[in-house]
């Protein structure tokens, strides 16, 4: 029997659709289009629940940039409720997931955090 590790680094991939990452300019740059407003509203609505915000924060701050559901489920609600909230965060494009054996691992794509940060910044003055 070999001691070769079966663990491998996963490649970073671009989101499959625009829904996976906000496409909005800073709020102070110009008014949003209908599509931009709908995308931003989905994200903020998903984060408007305290349990979802705690789960999102747990994934985003977890060592290695991803978290097993087994490591983040202690948020004061039942496991089925945790699964429901994680599903809502995925539907809003805030999380991605991958099943490994019996566990699901969640990740916040760096592009999502960067885009959310840009959304709430003041646009630089044009000179």
N, C-alpha and C. Protein backbone atom coordinates (compact mmCIF):
# COMPACT_ATOMS: atom_id res chain seq x y z
N UNK A 1 0.84 -1.19 0.00
CA UNK A 1 0.00 0.00 0.00
C UNK A 1 0.88 1.25 0.00
N UNK A 2 0.58 2.17 -0.84
CA UNK A 2 1.38 3.37 -1.01
C UNK A 2 0.95 4.45 -0.02
N UNK A 3 1.89 5.30 0.37
CA UNK A 3 1.58 6.43 1.25
C UNK A 3 1.29 7.69 0.45
N UNK A 4 1.09 7.57 -0.84
CA UNK A 4 0.82 8.70 -1.70
C UNK A 4 -0.51 9.34 -1.30
N UNK A 5 -0.50 10.61 -1.10
CA UNK A 5 -1.70 11.33 -0.70
C UNK A 5 -2.68 11.41 -1.86
N UNK A 6 -3.95 11.26 -1.55
CA UNK A 6 -4.99 11.41 -2.57
C UNK A 6 -5.55 12.82 -2.58
N UNK A 7 -5.02 13.68 -1.72
CA UNK A 7 -5.47 15.05 -1.67
C UNK A 7 -4.82 15.82 -2.81
N UNK A 8 -5.61 16.61 -3.51
CA UNK A 8 -5.04 17.42 -4.58
C UNK A 8 -5.62 18.82 -4.53
N UNK A 9 -4.86 19.77 -5.01
CA UNK A 9 -5.33 21.15 -5.07
C UNK A 9 -6.31 21.28 -6.22
N UNK A 10 -7.40 21.96 -5.96
CA UNK A 10 -8.39 22.17 -7.00
C UNK A 10 -8.06 23.46 -7.75
N UNK A 11 -8.19 23.45 -9.07
CA UNK A 11 -7.90 24.67 -9.83
C UNK A 11 -9.01 25.70 -9.61
N UNK A 12 -8.63 26.97 -9.64
CA UNK A 12 -9.63 28.02 -9.59
C UNK A 12 -10.25 28.13 -10.97
N UNK A 13 -11.56 28.19 -11.01
CA UNK A 13 -12.25 28.32 -12.28
C UNK A 13 -13.10 29.58 -12.26
N UNK A 14 -13.34 30.10 -13.40
CA UNK A 14 -14.19 31.27 -13.52
C UNK A 14 -15.64 30.87 -13.28
N UNK A 15 -16.45 31.76 -12.72
CA UNK A 15 -17.86 31.45 -12.52
C UNK A 15 -18.52 31.08 -13.84
N UNK A 16 -19.47 30.14 -13.77
CA UNK A 16 -20.14 29.66 -14.97
C UNK A 16 -21.08 30.69 -15.56
N UNK A 17 -21.55 31.61 -14.75
CA UNK A 17 -22.49 32.61 -15.25
C UNK A 17 -22.28 33.91 -14.51
N UNK A 18 -22.90 34.97 -14.99
CA UNK A 18 -22.80 36.26 -14.33
C UNK A 18 -23.47 36.25 -12.97
N UNK A 19 -24.38 35.30 -12.73
CA UNK A 19 -25.07 35.22 -11.46
C UNK A 19 -24.11 34.85 -10.32
N UNK A 20 -22.98 34.27 -10.63
CA UNK A 20 -22.05 33.83 -9.60
C UNK A 20 -21.26 34.99 -9.01
N UNK A 21 -21.15 36.09 -9.72
CA UNK A 21 -20.42 37.24 -9.20
C UNK A 21 -21.17 38.51 -9.57
N UNK A 22 -21.23 39.43 -8.64
CA UNK A 22 -21.93 40.69 -8.93
C UNK A 22 -21.28 41.41 -10.11
N UNK A 23 -22.10 42.04 -10.88
CA UNK A 23 -21.59 42.71 -12.08
C UNK A 23 -21.79 44.21 -12.00
N UNK A 24 -21.88 44.69 -10.75
CA UNK A 24 -22.33 46.07 -10.56
C UNK A 24 -21.17 47.02 -10.30
N UNK A 25 -21.30 48.24 -10.81
CA UNK A 25 -20.30 49.26 -10.52
C UNK A 25 -20.51 49.79 -9.11
N UNK A 26 -19.58 50.59 -8.60
CA UNK A 26 -19.82 51.22 -7.29
C UNK A 26 -21.14 52.00 -7.32
N UNK A 27 -21.82 52.02 -6.20
CA UNK A 27 -23.12 52.70 -6.12
C UNK A 27 -23.04 54.16 -6.51
N UNK A 28 -21.90 54.79 -6.28
CA UNK A 28 -21.76 56.22 -6.55
C UNK A 28 -21.35 56.53 -7.99
N UNK A 29 -21.09 55.48 -8.78
CA UNK A 29 -20.61 55.70 -10.14
C UNK A 29 -21.73 56.11 -11.09
N UNK A 30 -22.84 55.36 -11.05
CA UNK A 30 -23.99 55.63 -11.92
C UNK A 30 -25.16 54.80 -11.42
N UNK A 31 -26.36 55.12 -11.86
CA UNK A 31 -27.50 54.29 -11.46
C UNK A 31 -27.37 52.87 -12.02
N UNK A 32 -27.85 51.90 -11.28
CA UNK A 32 -27.82 50.51 -11.72
C UNK A 32 -28.80 50.27 -12.85
N UNK A 33 -28.45 49.33 -13.72
CA UNK A 33 -29.42 48.82 -14.68
C UNK A 33 -30.37 47.89 -13.92
N UNK A 34 -31.44 47.49 -14.55
CA UNK A 34 -32.37 46.56 -13.92
C UNK A 34 -31.67 45.26 -13.54
N UNK A 35 -30.87 44.72 -14.45
CA UNK A 35 -30.16 43.47 -14.19
C UNK A 35 -29.17 43.61 -13.04
N UNK A 36 -28.42 44.71 -13.01
CA UNK A 36 -27.47 44.93 -11.92
C UNK A 36 -28.19 45.04 -10.58
N UNK A 37 -29.30 45.75 -10.56
CA UNK A 37 -30.07 45.90 -9.32
C UNK A 37 -30.61 44.55 -8.84
N UNK A 38 -31.08 43.72 -9.76
CA UNK A 38 -31.59 42.40 -9.39
C UNK A 38 -30.48 41.52 -8.84
N UNK A 39 -29.30 41.57 -9.44
CA UNK A 39 -28.16 40.79 -8.96
C UNK A 39 -27.75 41.23 -7.56
N UNK A 40 -27.60 42.52 -7.36
CA UNK A 40 -27.19 43.05 -6.05
C UNK A 40 -28.26 42.76 -5.00
N UNK A 41 -29.53 42.90 -5.36
CA UNK A 41 -30.61 42.65 -4.41
C UNK A 41 -30.63 41.19 -3.96
N UNK A 42 -30.38 40.25 -4.87
CA UNK A 42 -30.31 38.83 -4.50
C UNK A 42 -29.23 38.59 -3.45
N UNK A 43 -28.07 39.21 -3.68
CA UNK A 43 -26.96 39.03 -2.73
C UNK A 43 -27.30 39.61 -1.37
N UNK A 44 -27.76 40.85 -1.36
CA UNK A 44 -28.05 41.50 -0.09
C UNK A 44 -29.23 40.84 0.63
N UNK A 45 -30.20 40.36 -0.12
CA UNK A 45 -31.33 39.66 0.51
C UNK A 45 -30.82 38.39 1.18
N UNK A 46 -29.94 37.65 0.51
CA UNK A 46 -29.39 36.43 1.09
C UNK A 46 -28.59 36.74 2.35
N UNK A 47 -27.87 37.85 2.36
CA UNK A 47 -27.05 38.21 3.51
C UNK A 47 -27.84 38.94 4.59
N UNK A 48 -29.11 39.24 4.31
CA UNK A 48 -29.95 39.96 5.26
C UNK A 48 -30.42 39.11 6.42
N UNK A 49 -30.18 37.82 6.39
CA UNK A 49 -30.55 36.93 7.48
C UNK A 49 -29.32 36.71 8.36
N UNK A 50 -29.44 36.87 9.69
CA UNK A 50 -28.26 36.73 10.56
C UNK A 50 -27.59 35.36 10.48
N UNK A 51 -28.36 34.28 10.35
CA UNK A 51 -27.77 32.95 10.25
C UNK A 51 -26.98 32.84 8.95
N UNK A 52 -27.54 33.32 7.86
CA UNK A 52 -26.82 33.27 6.57
C UNK A 52 -25.57 34.11 6.61
N UNK A 53 -25.65 35.26 7.24
CA UNK A 53 -24.46 36.12 7.33
C UNK A 53 -23.38 35.44 8.16
N UNK A 54 -23.76 34.76 9.24
CA UNK A 54 -22.78 34.01 10.03
C UNK A 54 -22.16 32.87 9.23
N UNK A 55 -22.98 32.15 8.47
CA UNK A 55 -22.46 31.05 7.65
C UNK A 55 -21.52 31.58 6.57
N UNK A 56 -21.93 32.66 5.91
CA UNK A 56 -21.09 33.26 4.87
C UNK A 56 -19.75 33.71 5.47
N UNK A 57 -19.79 34.34 6.62
CA UNK A 57 -18.59 34.79 7.29
C UNK A 57 -17.72 33.61 7.70
N UNK A 58 -18.34 32.54 8.17
CA UNK A 58 -17.58 31.35 8.58
C UNK A 58 -16.84 30.74 7.39
N UNK A 59 -17.50 30.69 6.25
CA UNK A 59 -16.84 30.14 5.05
C UNK A 59 -15.74 31.09 4.59
N UNK A 60 -16.06 32.37 4.48
CA UNK A 60 -15.11 33.36 3.96
C UNK A 60 -13.86 33.45 4.82
N UNK A 61 -13.99 33.28 6.13
CA UNK A 61 -12.85 33.45 7.02
C UNK A 61 -12.17 32.13 7.38
N UNK A 62 -12.69 31.03 6.89
CA UNK A 62 -12.13 29.73 7.24
C UNK A 62 -10.75 29.54 6.63
N UNK A 63 -9.87 28.91 7.38
CA UNK A 63 -8.51 28.66 6.91
C UNK A 63 -8.53 27.90 5.59
N UNK A 64 -7.76 28.34 4.63
CA UNK A 64 -7.69 27.67 3.34
C UNK A 64 -8.75 28.14 2.35
N UNK A 65 -9.63 29.03 2.78
CA UNK A 65 -10.61 29.59 1.86
C UNK A 65 -11.82 28.73 1.57
N UNK A 66 -11.93 27.60 2.26
CA UNK A 66 -13.11 26.77 2.10
C UNK A 66 -13.39 26.10 3.43
N UNK A 67 -14.66 25.69 3.60
CA UNK A 67 -15.05 25.08 4.87
C UNK A 67 -15.98 23.91 4.62
N UNK A 68 -15.74 22.85 5.37
CA UNK A 68 -16.64 21.70 5.37
C UNK A 68 -17.88 22.09 6.15
N UNK A 69 -19.02 21.64 5.69
CA UNK A 69 -20.26 21.94 6.41
C UNK A 69 -20.15 21.45 7.85
N UNK A 70 -19.38 20.41 8.07
CA UNK A 70 -19.21 19.87 9.44
C UNK A 70 -18.49 20.86 10.35
N UNK A 71 -17.73 21.80 9.79
CA UNK A 71 -16.98 22.78 10.59
C UNK A 71 -17.71 24.09 10.82
N UNK A 72 -18.81 24.33 10.11
CA UNK A 72 -19.47 25.63 10.20
C UNK A 72 -20.92 25.54 10.63
N UNK A 73 -21.40 24.36 10.99
CA UNK A 73 -22.84 24.19 11.24
C UNK A 73 -23.29 24.59 12.64
N UNK A 74 -22.37 25.02 13.50
CA UNK A 74 -22.74 25.41 14.85
C UNK A 74 -23.14 26.89 14.90
N UNK A 75 -24.32 27.18 14.36
CA UNK A 75 -24.81 28.56 14.33
C UNK A 75 -26.15 28.69 15.05
N UNK A 76 -26.48 27.71 15.88
CA UNK A 76 -27.68 27.81 16.70
C UNK A 76 -28.97 27.34 16.07
N UNK A 77 -28.87 26.68 14.90
CA UNK A 77 -30.06 26.15 14.25
C UNK A 77 -29.79 24.70 13.87
N UNK A 78 -30.84 23.97 13.52
CA UNK A 78 -30.70 22.56 13.18
C UNK A 78 -29.94 22.38 11.87
N UNK A 79 -29.42 21.17 11.66
CA UNK A 79 -28.68 20.87 10.42
C UNK A 79 -29.52 21.09 9.17
N UNK A 80 -30.80 20.66 9.15
CA UNK A 80 -31.61 20.95 7.95
C UNK A 80 -31.74 22.45 7.68
N UNK A 81 -31.81 23.25 8.75
CA UNK A 81 -31.91 24.70 8.57
C UNK A 81 -30.59 25.26 8.04
N UNK A 82 -29.47 24.75 8.53
CA UNK A 82 -28.16 25.16 8.00
C UNK A 82 -28.11 24.86 6.51
N UNK A 83 -28.52 23.66 6.12
CA UNK A 83 -28.51 23.27 4.70
C UNK A 83 -29.38 24.21 3.87
N UNK A 84 -30.54 24.57 4.40
CA UNK A 84 -31.43 25.50 3.69
C UNK A 84 -30.74 26.85 3.48
N UNK A 85 -30.11 27.37 4.52
CA UNK A 85 -29.45 28.67 4.41
C UNK A 85 -28.25 28.62 3.46
N UNK A 86 -27.49 27.53 3.50
CA UNK A 86 -26.37 27.39 2.56
C UNK A 86 -26.87 27.33 1.12
N UNK A 87 -28.00 26.67 0.91
CA UNK A 87 -28.60 26.60 -0.43
C UNK A 87 -28.98 28.00 -0.91
N UNK A 88 -29.56 28.80 -0.03
CA UNK A 88 -29.93 30.18 -0.40
C UNK A 88 -28.70 31.02 -0.75
N UNK A 89 -27.61 30.83 -0.02
CA UNK A 89 -26.38 31.56 -0.33
C UNK A 89 -25.81 31.13 -1.67
N UNK A 90 -25.92 29.85 -1.99
CA UNK A 90 -25.48 29.35 -3.30
C UNK A 90 -26.35 29.92 -4.41
N UNK A 91 -27.66 29.93 -4.21
CA UNK A 91 -28.59 30.45 -5.22
C UNK A 91 -28.33 31.92 -5.50
N UNK A 92 -27.88 32.66 -4.49
CA UNK A 92 -27.59 34.08 -4.67
C UNK A 92 -26.22 34.30 -5.31
N UNK A 93 -25.48 33.23 -5.57
CA UNK A 93 -24.17 33.35 -6.20
C UNK A 93 -23.06 33.70 -5.24
N UNK A 94 -23.31 33.57 -3.94
CA UNK A 94 -22.31 33.94 -2.95
C UNK A 94 -21.38 32.80 -2.56
N UNK A 95 -21.84 31.56 -2.71
CA UNK A 95 -21.04 30.39 -2.37
C UNK A 95 -21.04 29.40 -3.52
N UNK A 96 -19.98 28.61 -3.59
CA UNK A 96 -19.94 27.44 -4.45
C UNK A 96 -19.70 26.25 -3.53
N UNK A 97 -20.00 25.06 -4.02
CA UNK A 97 -19.81 23.88 -3.17
C UNK A 97 -19.29 22.70 -3.98
N UNK A 98 -18.71 21.76 -3.24
CA UNK A 98 -18.22 20.54 -3.85
C UNK A 98 -18.40 19.41 -2.84
N UNK A 99 -18.98 18.30 -3.29
CA UNK A 99 -19.14 17.13 -2.43
C UNK A 99 -17.87 16.31 -2.50
N UNK A 100 -17.36 15.94 -1.33
CA UNK A 100 -16.21 15.06 -1.20
C UNK A 100 -16.59 13.95 -0.23
N UNK A 101 -16.88 12.80 -0.76
CA UNK A 101 -17.35 11.70 0.09
C UNK A 101 -18.70 12.05 0.67
N UNK A 102 -18.80 12.03 1.99
CA UNK A 102 -20.09 12.32 2.63
C UNK A 102 -20.23 13.78 3.02
N UNK A 103 -19.18 14.59 2.84
CA UNK A 103 -19.21 15.99 3.26
C UNK A 103 -19.27 16.93 2.07
N UNK A 104 -19.84 18.09 2.30
CA UNK A 104 -19.88 19.14 1.29
C UNK A 104 -18.98 20.27 1.78
N UNK A 105 -18.13 20.75 0.88
CA UNK A 105 -17.22 21.85 1.19
C UNK A 105 -17.70 23.10 0.45
N UNK A 106 -17.69 24.23 1.15
CA UNK A 106 -18.17 25.49 0.59
C UNK A 106 -17.01 26.45 0.46
N UNK A 107 -17.11 27.30 -0.56
CA UNK A 107 -16.06 28.28 -0.86
C UNK A 107 -16.73 29.58 -1.31
N UNK A 108 -16.15 30.69 -0.87
CA UNK A 108 -16.53 32.01 -1.38
C UNK A 108 -15.50 32.33 -2.45
N UNK A 109 -15.95 32.51 -3.66
CA UNK A 109 -15.02 32.84 -4.74
C UNK A 109 -14.44 34.24 -4.49
N UNK A 110 -13.12 34.40 -4.63
CA UNK A 110 -12.50 35.71 -4.42
C UNK A 110 -13.15 36.81 -5.28
N UNK A 111 -13.60 36.46 -6.48
CA UNK A 111 -14.22 37.46 -7.34
C UNK A 111 -15.51 38.01 -6.74
N UNK A 112 -16.22 37.18 -5.98
CA UNK A 112 -17.46 37.63 -5.34
C UNK A 112 -17.14 38.65 -4.25
N UNK A 113 -16.16 38.34 -3.39
CA UNK A 113 -15.79 39.28 -2.34
C UNK A 113 -15.26 40.58 -2.92
N UNK A 114 -14.44 40.49 -3.96
CA UNK A 114 -13.90 41.69 -4.58
C UNK A 114 -15.01 42.55 -5.19
N UNK A 115 -15.94 41.91 -5.87
CA UNK A 115 -17.04 42.65 -6.49
C UNK A 115 -17.95 43.29 -5.44
N UNK A 116 -18.20 42.58 -4.34
CA UNK A 116 -19.02 43.16 -3.28
C UNK A 116 -18.33 44.36 -2.66
N UNK A 117 -17.01 44.27 -2.50
CA UNK A 117 -16.26 45.40 -1.97
C UNK A 117 -16.31 46.61 -2.89
N UNK A 118 -16.17 46.35 -4.18
CA UNK A 118 -16.24 47.45 -5.16
C UNK A 118 -17.61 48.10 -5.18
N UNK A 119 -18.64 47.30 -5.00
CA UNK A 119 -20.01 47.81 -5.03
C UNK A 119 -20.22 48.89 -3.98
N UNK A 120 -19.62 48.71 -2.82
CA UNK A 120 -19.84 49.63 -1.71
C UNK A 120 -18.75 50.67 -1.53
N UNK A 121 -17.91 50.85 -2.54
CA UNK A 121 -16.87 51.88 -2.45
C UNK A 121 -17.28 53.12 -3.22
N UNK A 122 -16.63 54.18 -2.93
CA UNK A 122 -16.87 55.43 -3.65
C UNK A 122 -16.04 55.40 -4.91
N UNK A 123 -16.68 55.65 -6.05
CA UNK A 123 -15.96 55.66 -7.32
C UNK A 123 -14.95 56.79 -7.33
N UNK A 124 -13.77 56.54 -7.90
CA UNK A 124 -12.76 57.60 -7.95
C UNK A 124 -13.26 58.76 -8.81
N UNK A 125 -12.87 59.96 -8.41
CA UNK A 125 -13.27 61.15 -9.16
C UNK A 125 -12.58 61.15 -10.52
N UNK A 126 -13.31 61.53 -11.53
CA UNK A 126 -12.75 61.64 -12.87
C UNK A 126 -12.15 63.03 -13.01
N UNK A 127 -10.85 63.07 -13.40
CA UNK A 127 -10.19 64.37 -13.54
C UNK A 127 -9.88 64.67 -14.97
